[in-house]
Amino acid sequence: MAYSGEKLPPGTLCVVCEDLATGNHYSVPSCNGCKTFFRRAVVNNRTFACMGHGNCPVNK
C-alpha cells in the first residue's frame, strides 16, 4: 500500500466504493467523493446505519 505523499499506481480503486482512487485519504486509497463524505461525517460527528436489513451496497 502506498504511504502518504506517494502516488498511487494507475487504476487503483477506492476501497469504499470501487471508483478510481485519487490518493490515500484516511490511510486508504479512496476517491474524492468518499474522502469528502467521511470528512463531513467526522467533522459533524455523524453516524449512519443501513436501512436495508444489513444489505446496503456501497458503490459508485
Protein backbone atom coordinates (compact mmCIF):
# COMPACT_ATOMS: atom_id res chain seq x y z
CA MET A 1 0.00 0.00 0.00
CA ALA A 2 1.28 3.49 -0.77
CA TYR A 3 2.22 5.82 2.03
CA SER A 4 1.15 9.43 2.41
CA GLY A 5 2.88 11.54 -0.20
CA GLU A 6 3.34 8.65 -2.64
CA LYS A 7 1.36 8.45 -5.84
CA LEU A 8 -0.99 5.53 -6.23
CA PRO A 9 -0.45 3.13 -9.11
CA PRO A 10 -2.69 3.93 -12.11
CA GLY A 11 -6.04 2.17 -11.86
CA THR A 12 -6.04 1.90 -8.06
CA LEU A 13 -9.63 1.63 -6.83
CA CYS A 14 -11.29 3.28 -3.84
CA VAL A 15 -11.60 0.66 -1.08
CA VAL A 16 -15.04 2.03 -0.18
CA CYS A 17 -16.93 2.33 -3.48
CA GLU A 18 -14.57 0.87 -6.09
CA ASP A 19 -14.40 4.12 -8.10
CA LEU A 20 -10.92 5.29 -9.17
CA ALA A 21 -8.91 6.37 -6.13
CA THR A 22 -7.39 9.86 -6.18
CA GLY A 23 -4.99 9.30 -3.28
CA ASN A 24 -4.54 7.91 0.19
CA HIS A 25 -7.18 9.55 2.35
CA TYR A 26 -7.51 8.42 5.97
CA SER A 27 -4.73 5.87 5.28
CA VAL A 28 -6.55 4.01 2.50
CA PRO A 29 -6.83 4.52 -1.26
CA SER A 30 -10.08 6.39 -1.83
CA CYS A 31 -11.85 8.69 -4.27
CA ASN A 32 -12.66 12.34 -3.60
CA GLY A 33 -16.36 11.55 -3.04
CA CYS A 34 -15.66 9.08 -0.25
CA LYS A 35 -12.95 11.30 1.22
CA THR A 36 -15.43 14.19 1.43
CA PHE A 37 -18.24 12.01 2.80
CA PHE A 38 -16.09 10.62 5.63
CA ARG A 39 -14.56 14.03 6.40
CA ARG A 40 -18.03 15.53 6.82
CA ALA A 41 -19.15 12.55 8.91
CA VAL A 42 -16.18 13.02 11.26
CA VAL A 43 -16.41 16.83 11.43
CA ASN A 44 -20.16 16.74 12.09
CA ASN A 45 -19.96 13.72 14.43
CA ARG A 46 -22.45 11.80 12.26
CA THR A 47 -23.23 8.08 12.36
CA PHE A 48 -25.04 6.13 9.68
CA ALA A 49 -26.97 2.87 9.63
CA CYS A 50 -28.07 0.67 6.74
CA MET A 51 -31.86 0.74 6.44
CA GLY A 52 -31.81 -2.32 4.12
CA HIS A 53 -31.56 -5.01 6.80
CA GLY A 54 -27.76 -5.02 6.54
CA ASN A 55 -27.81 -5.32 2.75
CA CYS A 56 -26.79 -1.82 1.65
CA PRO A 57 -24.27 -1.90 -1.20
CA VAL A 58 -21.78 0.96 -1.22
CA ASN A 59 -20.55 1.56 -4.74
CA LYS A 60 -20.18 4.11 -7.47
